PDB file of all heavy atoms in Angstrom:
ATOM      1  N   ALA A   1       3.426  11.598 -13.605  1.00  0.00           N
ATOM      2  CA  ALA A   1       3.015  10.814 -12.445  1.00  0.00           C
ATOM      3  C   ALA A   1       4.172   9.955 -11.961  1.00  0.00           C
ATOM      4  O   ALA A   1       5.090   9.631 -12.735  1.00  0.00           O
ATOM      5  CB  ALA A   1       1.816   9.935 -12.774  1.00  0.00           C
ATOM      6  N   TRP A   2       4.110   9.611 -10.706  1.00  0.00           N
ATOM      7  CA  TRP A   2       5.043   8.660 -10.111  1.00  0.00           C
ATOM      8  C   TRP A   2       4.254   7.384  -9.744  1.00  0.00           C
ATOM      9  O   TRP A   2       3.125   7.454  -9.236  1.00  0.00           O
ATOM     10  CB  TRP A   2       5.683   9.221  -8.845  1.00  0.00           C
ATOM     11  CG  TRP A   2       6.733  10.256  -9.114  1.00  0.00           C
ATOM     12  CD1 TRP A   2       6.561  11.610  -9.176  1.00  0.00           C
ATOM     13  CD2 TRP A   2       8.120  10.018  -9.377  1.00  0.00           C
ATOM     14  NE1 TRP A   2       7.753  12.234  -9.441  1.00  0.00           N
ATOM     15  CE2 TRP A   2       8.730  11.273  -9.556  1.00  0.00           C
ATOM     16  CE3 TRP A   2       8.926   8.867  -9.428  1.00  0.00           C
ATOM     17  CZ2 TRP A   2      10.104  11.419  -9.820  1.00  0.00           C
ATOM     18  CZ3 TRP A   2      10.276   9.013  -9.685  1.00  0.00           C
ATOM     19  CH2 TRP A   2      10.848  10.266  -9.877  1.00  0.00           C
ATOM     20  N   PHE A   3       4.893   6.272 -10.017  1.00  0.00           N
ATOM     21  CA  PHE A   3       4.346   4.963  -9.669  1.00  0.00           C
ATOM     22  C   PHE A   3       5.440   4.215  -8.902  1.00  0.00           C
ATOM     23  O   PHE A   3       6.603   4.624  -8.909  1.00  0.00           O
ATOM     24  CB  PHE A   3       3.961   4.175 -10.917  1.00  0.00           C
ATOM     25  CG  PHE A   3       2.866   4.820 -11.729  1.00  0.00           C
ATOM     26  CD1 PHE A   3       3.157   5.838 -12.629  1.00  0.00           C
ATOM     27  CD2 PHE A   3       1.554   4.406 -11.610  1.00  0.00           C
ATOM     28  CE1 PHE A   3       2.153   6.438 -13.375  1.00  0.00           C
ATOM     29  CE2 PHE A   3       0.540   4.983 -12.359  1.00  0.00           C
ATOM     30  CZ  PHE A   3       0.852   6.006 -13.251  1.00  0.00           C
ATOM     31  N   ARG A   4       5.073   3.115  -8.267  1.00  0.00           N
ATOM     32  CA  ARG A   4       6.073   2.295  -7.603  1.00  0.00           C
ATOM     33  C   ARG A   4       5.672   0.823  -7.671  1.00  0.00           C
ATOM     34  O   ARG A   4       4.495   0.505  -7.817  1.00  0.00           O
ATOM     35  CB  ARG A   4       6.253   2.718  -6.140  1.00  0.00           C
ATOM     36  CG  ARG A   4       5.024   2.497  -5.234  1.00  0.00           C
ATOM     37  CD  ARG A   4       5.272   3.088  -3.857  1.00  0.00           C
ATOM     38  NE  ARG A   4       4.132   2.912  -2.989  1.00  0.00           N
ATOM     39  CZ  ARG A   4       4.040   3.426  -1.750  1.00  0.00           C
ATOM     40  NH1 ARG A   4       5.041   4.169  -1.280  1.00  0.00           N
ATOM     41  NH2 ARG A   4       2.978   3.201  -1.016  1.00  0.00           N
ATOM     42  N   GLN A   5       6.694  -0.026  -7.593  1.00  0.00           N
ATOM     43  CA  GLN A   5       6.441  -1.460  -7.616  1.00  0.00           C
ATOM     44  C   GLN A   5       7.323  -2.128  -6.580  1.00  0.00           C
ATOM     45  O   GLN A   5       8.552  -2.083  -6.674  1.00  0.00           O
ATOM     46  CB  GLN A   5       6.723  -2.037  -9.006  1.00  0.00           C
ATOM     47  CG  GLN A   5       6.334  -3.478  -9.151  1.00  0.00           C
ATOM     48  CD  GLN A   5       6.282  -3.928 -10.594  1.00  0.00           C
ATOM     49  OE1 GLN A   5       6.808  -3.283 -11.496  1.00  0.00           O
ATOM     50  NE2 GLN A   5       5.609  -5.033 -10.850  1.00  0.00           N
ATOM     51  N   ALA A   6       6.666  -2.720  -5.602  1.00  0.00           N
ATOM     52  CA  ALA A   6       7.359  -3.454  -4.548  1.00  0.00           C
ATOM     53  C   ALA A   6       7.565  -4.896  -4.998  1.00  0.00           C
ATOM     54  O   ALA A   6       6.816  -5.391  -5.858  1.00  0.00           O
ATOM     55  CB  ALA A   6       6.566  -3.391  -3.253  1.00  0.00           C
ATOM     56  N   PRO A   7       8.527  -5.591  -4.442  1.00  0.00           N
ATOM     57  CA  PRO A   7       8.776  -6.984  -4.836  1.00  0.00           C
ATOM     58  C   PRO A   7       7.530  -7.831  -4.666  1.00  0.00           C
ATOM     59  O   PRO A   7       6.874  -7.802  -3.626  1.00  0.00           O
ATOM     60  CB  PRO A   7       9.878  -7.425  -3.861  1.00  0.00           C
ATOM     61  CG  PRO A   7      10.571  -6.175  -3.474  1.00  0.00           C
ATOM     62  CD  PRO A   7       9.504  -5.110  -3.447  1.00  0.00           C
ATOM     63  N   GLY A   8       7.193  -8.559  -5.719  1.00  0.00           N
ATOM     64  CA  GLY A   8       6.048  -9.460  -5.671  1.00  0.00           C
ATOM     65  C   GLY A   8       4.701  -8.789  -5.767  1.00  0.00           C
ATOM     66  O   GLY A   8       3.679  -9.447  -5.633  1.00  0.00           O
ATOM     67  N   LYS A   9       4.696  -7.477  -6.000  1.00  0.00           N
ATOM     68  CA  LYS A   9       3.427  -6.756  -6.079  1.00  0.00           C
ATOM     69  C   LYS A   9       3.288  -6.065  -7.421  1.00  0.00           C
ATOM     70  O   LYS A   9       4.269  -5.874  -8.138  1.00  0.00           O
ATOM     71  CB  LYS A   9       3.332  -5.713  -4.949  1.00  0.00           C
ATOM     72  CG  LYS A   9       3.283  -6.329  -3.563  1.00  0.00           C
ATOM     73  CD  LYS A   9       3.012  -5.264  -2.510  1.00  0.00           C
ATOM     74  CE  LYS A   9       2.891  -5.879  -1.127  1.00  0.00           C
ATOM     75  NZ  LYS A   9       2.603  -4.841  -0.097  1.00  0.00           N
ATOM     76  N   GLU A  10       2.078  -5.670  -7.739  1.00  0.00           N
ATOM     77  CA  GLU A  10       1.830  -4.962  -8.984  1.00  0.00           C
ATOM     78  C   GLU A  10       2.276  -3.503  -8.842  1.00  0.00           C
ATOM     79  O   GLU A  10       2.317  -2.955  -7.749  1.00  0.00           O
ATOM     80  CB  GLU A  10       0.354  -5.022  -9.356  1.00  0.00           C
ATOM     81  CG  GLU A  10      -0.148  -6.413  -9.684  1.00  0.00           C
ATOM     82  CD  GLU A  10      -1.586  -6.419 -10.157  1.00  0.00           C
ATOM     83  OE1 GLU A  10      -2.246  -5.376 -10.061  1.00  0.00           O
ATOM     84  OE2 GLU A  10      -2.046  -7.484 -10.620  1.00  0.00           O
ATOM     85  N   ARG A  11       2.568  -2.902  -9.985  1.00  0.00           N
ATOM     86  CA  ARG A  11       2.917  -1.483  -9.981  1.00  0.00           C
ATOM     87  C   ARG A  11       1.693  -0.683  -9.556  1.00  0.00           C
ATOM     88  O   ARG A  11       0.574  -0.960  -9.985  1.00  0.00           O
ATOM     89  CB  ARG A  11       3.375  -1.057 -11.377  1.00  0.00           C
ATOM     90  CG  ARG A  11       4.013   0.311 -11.438  1.00  0.00           C
ATOM     91  CD  ARG A  11       4.673   0.552 -12.786  1.00  0.00           C
ATOM     92  NE  ARG A  11       5.750  -0.403 -13.041  1.00  0.00           N
ATOM     93  CZ  ARG A  11       6.558  -0.318 -14.084  1.00  0.00           C
ATOM     94  NH1 ARG A  11       6.424   0.675 -14.961  1.00  0.00           N
ATOM     95  NH2 ARG A  11       7.488  -1.220 -14.261  1.00  0.00           N
ATOM     96  N   GLU A  12       1.915   0.314  -8.698  1.00  0.00           N
ATOM     97  CA  GLU A  12       0.801   1.117  -8.207  1.00  0.00           C
ATOM     98  C   GLU A  12       1.075   2.595  -8.361  1.00  0.00           C
ATOM     99  O   GLU A  12       2.217   3.041  -8.349  1.00  0.00           O
ATOM    100  CB  GLU A  12       0.522   0.804  -6.728  1.00  0.00           C
ATOM    101  CG  GLU A  12       1.646   1.200  -5.783  1.00  0.00           C
ATOM    102  CD  GLU A  12       1.233   1.087  -4.322  1.00  0.00           C
ATOM    103  OE1 GLU A  12       0.068   0.779  -4.010  1.00  0.00           O
ATOM    104  OE2 GLU A  12       2.121   1.318  -3.462  1.00  0.00           O
ATOM    105  N   PHE A  13       0.007   3.343  -8.471  1.00  0.00           N
ATOM    106  CA  PHE A  13       0.074   4.797  -8.589  1.00  0.00           C
ATOM    107  C   PHE A  13       0.477   5.399  -7.255  1.00  0.00           C
ATOM    108  O   PHE A  13       0.054   4.961  -6.192  1.00  0.00           O
ATOM    109  CB  PHE A  13      -1.295   5.319  -9.013  1.00  0.00           C
ATOM    110  CG  PHE A  13      -1.464   6.795  -8.860  1.00  0.00           C
ATOM    111  CD1 PHE A  13      -0.910   7.670  -9.790  1.00  0.00           C
ATOM    112  CD2 PHE A  13      -2.196   7.317  -7.803  1.00  0.00           C
ATOM    113  CE1 PHE A  13      -1.076   9.030  -9.654  1.00  0.00           C
ATOM    114  CE2 PHE A  13      -2.368   8.676  -7.658  1.00  0.00           C
ATOM    115  CZ  PHE A  13      -1.798   9.546  -8.586  1.00  0.00           C
ATOM    116  N   VAL A  14       1.277   6.461  -7.308  1.00  0.00           N
ATOM    117  CA  VAL A  14       1.695   7.159  -6.096  1.00  0.00           C
ATOM    118  C   VAL A  14       1.199   8.608  -6.096  1.00  0.00           C
ATOM    119  O   VAL A  14       0.549   9.052  -5.156  1.00  0.00           O
ATOM    120  CB  VAL A  14       3.229   7.152  -5.933  1.00  0.00           C
ATOM    121  CG1 VAL A  14       3.649   7.969  -4.717  1.00  0.00           C
ATOM    122  CG2 VAL A  14       3.745   5.726  -5.823  1.00  0.00           C
ATOM    123  N   ALA A  15       1.506   9.339  -7.160  1.00  0.00           N
ATOM    124  CA  ALA A  15       1.153  10.755  -7.197  1.00  0.00           C
ATOM    125  C   ALA A  15       1.177  11.237  -8.639  1.00  0.00           C
ATOM    126  O   ALA A  15       1.889  10.696  -9.482  1.00  0.00           O
ATOM    127  CB  ALA A  15       2.120  11.580  -6.356  1.00  0.00           C
ATOM    128  N   SER A  16       0.403  12.302  -8.901  1.00  0.00           N
ATOM    129  CA  SER A  16       0.389  12.891 -10.239  1.00  0.00           C
ATOM    130  C   SER A  16       0.345  14.411 -10.129  1.00  0.00           C
ATOM    131  O   SER A  16      -0.074  14.961  -9.097  1.00  0.00           O
ATOM    132  CB  SER A  16      -0.808  12.389 -11.041  1.00  0.00           C
ATOM    133  OG  SER A  16      -2.012  12.780 -10.418  1.00  0.00           O
ATOM    134  N   ILE A  17       0.755  15.050 -11.199  1.00  0.00           N
ATOM    135  CA  ILE A  17       0.746  16.502 -11.259  1.00  0.00           C
ATOM    136  C   ILE A  17       0.365  16.921 -12.666  1.00  0.00           C
ATOM    137  O   ILE A  17       0.812  16.352 -13.651  1.00  0.00           O
ATOM    138  CB  ILE A  17       2.118  17.093 -10.832  1.00  0.00           C
ATOM    139  CG1 ILE A  17       2.063  18.615 -10.747  1.00  0.00           C
ATOM    140  CG2 ILE A  17       3.248  16.624 -11.759  1.00  0.00           C
ATOM    141  CD1 ILE A  17       3.270  19.224 -10.040  1.00  0.00           C
ATOM    142  N   SER A  18      -0.475  17.944 -12.747  1.00  0.00           N
ATOM    143  CA  SER A  18      -0.921  18.428 -14.043  1.00  0.00           C
ATOM    144  C   SER A  18       0.191  19.178 -14.761  1.00  0.00           C
ATOM    145  O   SER A  18       1.170  19.613 -14.149  1.00  0.00           O
ATOM    146  CB  SER A  18      -2.127  19.352 -13.862  1.00  0.00           C
ATOM    147  OG  SER A  18      -1.759  20.499 -13.101  1.00  0.00           O
ATOM    148  N   TRP A  19       0.021  19.362 -16.071  1.00  0.00           N
ATOM    149  CA  TRP A  19       1.025  20.094 -16.848  1.00  0.00           C
ATOM    150  C   TRP A  19       1.111  21.550 -16.401  1.00  0.00           C
ATOM    151  O   TRP A  19       2.146  22.174 -16.556  1.00  0.00           O
ATOM    152  CB  TRP A  19       0.710  19.998 -18.349  1.00  0.00           C
ATOM    153  CG  TRP A  19      -0.427  20.859 -18.808  1.00  0.00           C
ATOM    154  CD1 TRP A  19      -0.364  22.099 -19.358  1.00  0.00           C
ATOM    155  CD2 TRP A  19      -1.815  20.529 -18.740  1.00  0.00           C
ATOM    156  NE1 TRP A  19      -1.613  22.559 -19.626  1.00  0.00           N
ATOM    157  CE2 TRP A  19      -2.531  21.629 -19.277  1.00  0.00           C
ATOM    158  CE3 TRP A  19      -2.553  19.423 -18.283  1.00  0.00           C
ATOM    159  CZ2 TRP A  19      -3.913  21.641 -19.370  1.00  0.00           C
ATOM    160  CZ3 TRP A  19      -3.930  19.424 -18.379  1.00  0.00           C
ATOM    161  CH2 TRP A  19      -4.599  20.530 -18.908  1.00  0.00           C
ATOM    162  N   THR A  20      -0.005  22.083 -15.808  1.00  0.00           N
ATOM    163  CA  THR A  20      -0.017  23.458 -15.341  1.00  0.00           C
ATOM    164  C   THR A  20       0.671  23.626 -13.999  1.00  0.00           C
ATOM    165  O   THR A  20       0.892  24.739 -13.545  1.00  0.00           O
ATOM    166  CB  THR A  20      -1.457  23.959 -15.194  1.00  0.00           C
ATOM    167  OG1 THR A  20      -2.124  23.118 -14.240  1.00  0.00           O
ATOM    168  CG2 THR A  20      -2.196  23.887 -16.524  1.00  0.00           C
ATOM    169  N   THR A  21       0.982  22.507 -13.337  1.00  0.00           N
ATOM    170  CA  THR A  21       1.576  22.450 -12.000  1.00  0.00           C
ATOM    171  C   THR A  21       0.595  22.791 -10.894  1.00  0.00           C
ATOM    172  O   THR A  21       0.937  22.690  -9.718  1.00  0.00           O
ATOM    173  CB  THR A  21       2.825  23.357 -11.836  1.00  0.00           C
ATOM    174  OG1 THR A  21       2.401  24.734 -11.679  1.00  0.00           O
ATOM    175  CG2 THR A  21       3.743  23.277 -13.027  1.00  0.00           C
ATOM    176  N   THR A  22      -0.622  23.161 -11.212  1.00  0.00           N
ATOM    177  CA  THR A  22      -1.542  23.635 -10.190  1.00  0.00           C
ATOM    178  C   THR A  22      -2.357  22.528  -9.536  1.00  0.00           C
ATOM    179  O   THR A  22      -2.976  22.759  -8.480  1.00  0.00           O
ATOM    180  CB  THR A  22      -2.511  24.668 -10.775  1.00  0.00           C
ATOM    181  OG1 THR A  22      -3.187  24.087 -11.893  1.00  0.00           O
ATOM    182  CG2 THR A  22      -1.755  25.907 -11.238  1.00  0.00           C
ATOM    183  N   SER A  23      -2.392  21.358 -10.136  1.00  0.00           N
ATOM    184  CA  SER A  23      -3.188  20.256  -9.582  1.00  0.00           C
ATOM    185  C   SER A  23      -2.315  19.058  -9.286  1.00  0.00           C
ATOM    186  O   SER A  23      -1.467  18.688 -10.092  1.00  0.00           O
ATOM    187  CB  SER A  23      -4.285  19.853 -10.558  1.00  0.00           C
ATOM    188  OG  SER A  23      -5.195  20.910 -10.754  1.00  0.00           O
ATOM    189  N   THR A  24      -2.543  18.475  -8.110  1.00  0.00           N
ATOM    190  CA  THR A  24      -1.824  17.268  -7.724  1.00  0.00           C
ATOM    191  C   THR A  24      -2.789  16.286  -7.074  1.00  0.00           C
ATOM    192  O   THR A  24      -3.862  16.677  -6.585  1.00  0.00           O
ATOM    193  CB  THR A  24      -0.700  17.566  -6.717  1.00  0.00           C
ATOM    194  OG1 THR A  24      -1.251  18.199  -5.558  1.00  0.00           O
ATOM    195  CG2 THR A  24       0.369  18.476  -7.333  1.00  0.00           C
ATOM    196  N   TYR A  25      -2.409  15.015  -7.096  1.00  0.00           N
ATOM    197  CA  TYR A  25      -3.241  13.985  -6.476  1.00  0.00           C
ATOM    198  C   TYR A  25      -2.326  12.908  -5.921  1.00  0.00           C
ATOM    199  O   TYR A  25      -1.300  12.585  -6.544  1.00  0.00           O
ATOM    200  CB  TYR A  25      -4.210  13.383  -7.494  1.00  0.00           C
ATOM    201  CG  TYR A  25      -5.192  12.420  -6.866  1.00  0.00           C
ATOM    202  CD1 TYR A  25      -6.329  12.888  -6.212  1.00  0.00           C
ATOM    203  CD2 TYR A  25      -4.970  11.045  -6.906  1.00  0.00           C
ATOM    204  CE1 TYR A  25      -7.221  12.013  -5.609  1.00  0.00           C
ATOM    205  CE2 TYR A  25      -5.863  10.169  -6.316  1.00  0.00           C
ATOM    206  CZ  TYR A  25      -6.973  10.660  -5.669  1.00  0.00           C
ATOM    207  OH  TYR A  25      -7.851   9.784  -5.073  1.00  0.00           O
ATOM    208  N   TYR A  26      -2.698  12.365  -4.758  1.00  0.00           N
ATOM    209  CA  TYR A  26      -1.861  11.370  -4.098  1.00  0.00           C
ATOM    210  C   TYR A  26      -2.693  10.157  -3.686  1.00  0.00           C
ATOM    211  O   TYR A  26      -3.879  10.282  -3.321  1.00  0.00           O
ATOM    212  CB  TYR A  26      -1.234  11.958  -2.826  1.00  0.00           C
ATOM    213  CG  TYR A  26      -0.359  13.168  -3.073  1.00  0.00           C
ATOM    214  CD1 TYR A  26      -0.892  14.451  -3.083  1.00  0.00           C
ATOM    215  CD2 TYR A  26       0.999  13.014  -3.297  1.00  0.00           C
ATOM    216  CE1 TYR A  26      -0.094  15.560  -3.313  1.00  0.00           C
ATOM    217  CE2 TYR A  26       1.802  14.113  -3.526  1.00  0.00           C
ATOM    218  CZ  TYR A  26       1.249  15.385  -3.542  1.00  0.00           C
ATOM    219  OH  TYR A  26       2.049  16.473  -3.767  1.00  0.00           O
ATOM    220  N   VAL A  27      -2.052   9.012  -3.704  1.00  0.00           N
ATOM    221  CA  VAL A  27      -2.686   7.834  -3.128  1.00  0.00           C
ATOM    222  C   VAL A  27      -2.753   8.058  -1.619  1.00  0.00           C
ATOM    223  O   VAL A  27      -1.890   8.728  -1.036  1.00  0.00           O
ATOM    224  CB  VAL A  27      -1.892   6.558  -3.506  1.00  0.00           C
ATOM    225  CG1 VAL A  27      -0.532   6.533  -2.826  1.00  0.00           C
ATOM    226  CG2 VAL A  27      -2.690   5.318  -3.178  1.00  0.00           C
ATOM    227  N   ASP A  28      -3.771   7.515  -0.973  1.00  0.00           N
ATOM    228  CA  ASP A  28      -3.989   7.794   0.452  1.00  0.00           C
ATOM    229  C   ASP A  28      -2.773   7.444   1.317  1.00  0.00           C
ATOM    230  O   ASP A  28      -2.488   8.140   2.294  1.00  0.00           O
ATOM    231  CB  ASP A  28      -5.206   7.014   0.954  1.00  0.00           C
ATOM    232  CG  ASP A  28      -6.512   7.620   0.483  1.00  0.00           C
ATOM    233  OD1 ASP A  28      -6.506   8.768  -0.012  1.00  0.00           O
ATOM    234  OD2 ASP A  28      -7.551   6.934   0.597  1.00  0.00           O
ATOM    235  N   SER A  29      -2.065   6.393   0.973  1.00  0.00           N
ATOM    236  CA  SER A  29      -0.979   5.920   1.823  1.00  0.00           C
ATOM    237  C   SER A  29       0.208   6.878   1.895  1.00  0.00           C
ATOM    238  O   SER A  29       1.047   6.751   2.787  1.00  0.00           O
ATOM    239  CB  SER A  29      -0.492   4.551   1.339  1.00  0.00           C
ATOM    240  OG  SER A  29      -0.028   4.621   0.012  1.00  0.00           O
ATOM    241  N   VAL A  30       0.284   7.854   0.989  1.00  0.00           N
ATOM    242  CA  VAL A  30       1.415   8.789   1.000  1.00  0.00           C
ATOM    243  C   VAL A  30       0.996  10.227   1.267  1.00  0.00           C
ATOM    244  O   VAL A  30       1.844  11.107   1.385  1.00  0.00           O
ATOM    245  CB  VAL A  30       2.230   8.727  -0.312  1.00  0.00           C
ATOM    246  CG1 VAL A  30       2.634   7.291  -0.631  1.00  0.00           C
ATOM    247  CG2 VAL A  30       1.489   9.370  -1.459  1.00  0.00           C
ATOM    248  N   LYS A  31      -0.304  10.475   1.369  1.00  0.00           N
ATOM    249  CA  LYS A  31      -0.775  11.841   1.611  1.00  0.00           C
ATOM    250  C   LYS A  31      -0.183  12.387   2.897  1.00  0.00           C
ATOM    251  O   LYS A  31      -0.146  11.708   3.916  1.00  0.00           O
ATOM    252  CB  LYS A  31      -2.310  11.852   1.688  1.00  0.00           C
ATOM    253  CG  LYS A  31      -3.010  11.798   0.360  1.00  0.00           C
ATOM    254  CD  LYS A  31      -4.519  11.834   0.520  1.00  0.00           C
ATOM    255  CE  LYS A  31      -5.222  11.753  -0.814  1.00  0.00           C
ATOM    256  NZ  LYS A  31      -6.700  11.706  -0.658  1.00  0.00           N
ATOM    257  N   GLY A  32       0.274  13.629   2.813  1.00  0.00           N
ATOM    258  CA  GLY A  32       0.872  14.275   3.977  1.00  0.00           C
ATOM    259  C   GLY A  32       2.345  13.950   4.166  1.00  0.00           C
ATOM    260  O   GLY A  32       3.016  14.580   4.986  1.00  0.00           O
ATOM    261  N   ARG A  33       2.862  12.970   3.431  1.00  0.00           N
ATOM    262  CA  ARG A  33       4.276  12.592   3.547  1.00  0.00           C
ATOM    263  C   ARG A  33       5.046  12.867   2.256  1.00  0.00           C
ATOM    264  O   ARG A  33       6.219  13.229   2.304  1.00  0.00           O
ATOM    265  CB  ARG A  33       4.395  11.111   3.906  1.00  0.00           C
ATOM    266  CG  ARG A  33       3.734  10.714   5.197  1.00  0.00           C
ATOM    267  CD  ARG A  33       4.070   9.281   5.576  1.00  0.00           C
ATOM    268  NE  ARG A  33       3.614   8.297   4.605  1.00  0.00           N
ATOM    269  CZ  ARG A  33       4.399   7.438   3.965  1.00  0.00           C
ATOM    270  NH1 ARG A  33       5.695   7.435   4.197  1.00  0.00           N
ATOM    271  NH2 ARG A  33       3.887   6.565   3.118  1.00  0.00           N
ATOM    272  N   PHE A  34       4.409  12.682   1.115  1.00  0.00           N
ATOM    273  CA  PHE A  34       5.065  12.861  -0.188  1.00  0.00           C
ATOM    274  C   PHE A  34       4.549  14.132  -0.847  1.00  0.00           C
ATOM    275  O   PHE A  34       3.381  14.499  -0.687  1.00  0.00           O
ATOM    276  CB  PHE A  34       4.788  11.680  -1.109  1.00  0.00           C
ATOM    277  CG  PHE A  34       5.445  10.384  -0.727  1.00  0.00           C
ATOM    278  CD1 PHE A  34       6.044  10.209   0.515  1.00  0.00           C
ATOM    279  CD2 PHE A  34       5.450   9.315  -1.615  1.00  0.00           C
ATOM    280  CE1 PHE A  34       6.660   9.017   0.851  1.00  0.00           C
ATOM    281  CE2 PHE A  34       6.050   8.120  -1.286  1.00  0.00           C
ATOM    282  CZ  PHE A  34       6.639   7.966  -0.052  1.00  0.00           C
ATOM    283  N   THR A  35       5.408  14.768  -1.623  1.00  0.00           N
ATOM    284  CA  THR A  35       5.021  15.945  -2.388  1.00  0.00           C
ATOM    285  C   THR A  35       5.569  15.823  -3.802  1.00  0.00           C
ATOM    286  O   THR A  35       6.780  15.660  -3.999  1.00  0.00           O
ATOM    287  CB  THR A  35       5.561  17.235  -1.752  1.00  0.00           C
ATOM    288  OG1 THR A  35       5.083  17.339  -0.409  1.00  0.00           O
ATOM    289  CG2 THR A  35       5.099  18.458  -2.564  1.00  0.00           C
ATOM    290  N   ILE A  36       4.666  15.897  -4.774  1.00  0.00           N
ATOM    291  CA  ILE A  36       5.077  15.883  -6.177  1.00  0.00           C
ATOM    292  C   ILE A  36       5.178  17.311  -6.672  1.00  0.00           C
ATOM    293  O   ILE A  36       4.374  18.172  -6.291  1.00  0.00           O
ATOM    294  CB  ILE A  36       4.101  15.049  -7.038  1.00  0.00           C
ATOM    295  CG1 ILE A  36       4.641  14.866  -8.455  1.00  0.00           C
ATOM    296  CG2 ILE A  36       2.712  15.683  -7.053  1.00  0.00           C
ATOM    297  CD1 ILE A  36       3.821  13.892  -9.307  1.00  0.00           C
ATOM    298  N   SER A  37       6.167  17.578  -7.497  1.00  0.00           N
ATOM    299  CA  SER A  37       6.334  18.911  -8.063  1.00  0.00           C
ATOM    300  C   SER A  37       7.018  18.773  -9.412  1.00  0.00           C
ATOM    301  O   SER A  37       7.437  17.673  -9.802  1.00  0.00           O
ATOM    302  CB  SER A  37       7.161  19.806  -7.133  1.00  0.00           C
ATOM    303  OG  SER A  37       8.465  19.283  -6.948  1.00  0.00           O
ATOM    304  N   ARG A  38       7.108  19.865 -10.131  1.00  0.00           N
ATOM    305  CA  ARG A  38       7.791  19.867 -11.413  1.00  0.00           C
ATOM    306  C   ARG A  38       8.375  21.233 -11.676  1.00  0.00           C
ATOM    307  O   ARG A  38       7.842  22.250 -11.221  1.00  0.00           O
ATOM    308  CB  ARG A  38       6.863  19.434 -12.538  1.00  0.00           C
ATOM    309  CG  ARG A  38       5.694  20.386 -12.782  1.00  0.00           C
ATOM    310  CD  ARG A  38       4.672  19.777 -13.737  1.00  0.00           C
ATOM    311  NE  ARG A  38       5.219  19.595 -15.077  1.00  0.00           N
ATOM    312  CZ  ARG A  38       4.650  18.834 -16.004  1.00  0.00           C
ATOM    313  NH1 ARG A  38       3.540  18.164 -15.737  1.00  0.00           N
ATOM    314  NH2 ARG A  38       5.183  18.730 -17.202  1.00  0.00           N
ATOM    315  N   ASP A  39       9.462  21.244 -12.403  1.00  0.00           N
ATOM    316  CA  ASP A  39      10.102  22.471 -12.849  1.00  0.00           C
ATOM    317  C   ASP A  39      10.106  22.412 -14.370  1.00  0.00           C
ATOM    318  O   ASP A  39      10.956  21.726 -14.963  1.00  0.00           O
ATOM    319  CB  ASP A  39      11.510  22.584 -12.276  1.00  0.00           C
ATOM    320  CG  ASP A  39      12.175  23.900 -12.610  1.00  0.00           C
ATOM    321  OD1 ASP A  39      11.769  24.550 -13.592  1.00  0.00           O
ATOM    322  OD2 ASP A  39      13.128  24.267 -11.898  1.00  0.00           O
ATOM    323  N   ASN A  40       9.161  23.079 -14.986  1.00  0.00           N
ATOM    324  CA  ASN A  40       9.044  22.979 -16.442  1.00  0.00           C
ATOM    325  C   ASN A  40      10.242  23.618 -17.156  1.00  0.00           C
ATOM    326  O   ASN A  40      10.553  23.242 -18.278  1.00  0.00           O
ATOM    327  CB  ASN A  40       7.739  23.630 -16.899  1.00  0.00           C
ATOM    328  CG  ASN A  40       6.539  22.732 -16.613  1.00  0.00           C
ATOM    329  OD1 ASN A  40       6.680  21.531 -16.362  1.00  0.00           O
ATOM    330  ND2 ASN A  40       5.351  23.312 -16.641  1.00  0.00           N
ATOM    331  N   ALA A  41      10.895  24.555 -16.519  1.00  0.00           N
ATOM    332  CA  ALA A  41      12.074  25.162 -17.127  1.00  0.00           C
ATOM    333  C   ALA A  41      13.235  24.166 -17.191  1.00  0.00           C
ATOM    334  O   ALA A  41      14.117  24.283 -18.044  1.00  0.00           O
ATOM    335  CB  ALA A  41      12.497  26.390 -16.350  1.00  0.00           C
ATOM    336  N   LYS A  42      13.220  23.186 -16.299  1.00  0.00           N
ATOM    337  CA  LYS A  42      14.289  22.182 -16.258  1.00  0.00           C
ATOM    338  C   LYS A  42      13.838  20.849 -16.806  1.00  0.00           C
ATOM    339  O   LYS A  42      14.595  19.867 -16.760  1.00  0.00           O
ATOM    340  CB  LYS A  42      14.784  22.015 -14.821  1.00  0.00           C
ATOM    341  CG  LYS A  42      15.454  23.254 -14.250  1.00  0.00           C
ATOM    342  CD  LYS A  42      15.981  22.984 -12.841  1.00  0.00           C
ATOM    343  CE  LYS A  42      16.693  24.213 -12.284  1.00  0.00           C
ATOM    344  NZ  LYS A  42      17.200  23.967 -10.914  1.00  0.00           N
ATOM    345  N   ASN A  43      12.602  20.757 -17.296  1.00  0.00           N
ATOM    346  CA  ASN A  43      12.062  19.491 -17.798  1.00  0.00           C
ATOM    347  C   ASN A  43      12.216  18.366 -16.770  1.00  0.00           C
ATOM    348  O   ASN A  43      12.584  17.235 -17.118  1.00  0.00           O
ATOM    349  CB  ASN A  43      12.744  19.087 -19.102  1.00  0.00           C
ATOM    350  CG  ASN A  43      12.189  19.833 -20.302  1.00  0.00           C
ATOM    351  OD1 ASN A  43      11.399  20.766 -20.146  1.00  0.00           O
ATOM    352  ND2 ASN A  43      12.601  19.439 -21.480  1.00  0.00           N
ATOM    353  N   THR A  44      11.922  18.674 -15.529  1.00  0.00           N
ATOM    354  CA  THR A  44      12.149  17.713 -14.455  1.00  0.00           C
ATOM    355  C   THR A  44      10.954  17.687 -13.512  1.00  0.00           C
ATOM    356  O   THR A  44      10.400  18.733 -13.161  1.00  0.00           O
ATOM    357  CB  THR A  44      13.425  18.062 -13.671  1.00  0.00           C
ATOM    358  OG1 THR A  44      14.543  18.096 -14.560  1.00  0.00           O
ATOM    359  CG2 THR A  44      13.695  17.023 -12.597  1.00  0.00           C
ATOM    360  N   ALA A  45      10.588  16.488 -13.116  1.00  0.00           N
ATOM    361  CA  ALA A  45       9.585  16.282 -12.084  1.00  0.00           C
ATOM    362  C   ALA A  45      10.263  15.725 -10.845  1.00  0.00           C
ATOM    363  O   ALA A  45      11.328  15.090 -10.946  1.00  0.00           O
ATOM    364  CB  ALA A  45       8.493  15.336 -12.566  1.00  0.00           C
ATOM    365  N   TYR A  46       9.657  15.959  -9.701  1.00  0.00           N
ATOM    366  CA  TYR A  46      10.265  15.532  -8.432  1.00  0.00           C
ATOM    367  C   TYR A  46       9.241  14.828  -7.561  1.00  0.00           C
ATOM    368  O   TYR A  46       8.032  15.032  -7.699  1.00  0.00           O
ATOM    369  CB  TYR A  46      10.795  16.753  -7.672  1.00  0.00           C
ATOM    370  CG  TYR A  46      11.781  17.584  -8.433  1.00  0.00           C
ATOM    371  CD1 TYR A  46      11.374  18.713  -9.147  1.00  0.00           C
ATOM    372  CD2 TYR A  46      13.133  17.251  -8.457  1.00  0.00           C
ATOM    373  CE1 TYR A  46      12.276  19.495  -9.841  1.00  0.00           C
ATOM    374  CE2 TYR A  46      14.041  18.017  -9.160  1.00  0.00           C
ATOM    375  CZ  TYR A  46      13.614  19.144  -9.845  1.00  0.00           C
ATOM    376  OH  TYR A  46      14.516  19.902 -10.552  1.00  0.00           O
TER     377      TYR A  46
END
C-alpha cells in the first residue's frame, strides 16, 4: 500500500494492491488519477 502525510496532517491511505496484483483500491480523492501496480519479479511497487 501507499500512504501519504501532508504537513500538519495525519498519515492517510492512498492506494493498495493485493499480492496477486489483481485487486486494487484507492481513496476517493485519487481515483482516476493515480494507479498502483507492482512487479513481483523486481520486488517493486509503483
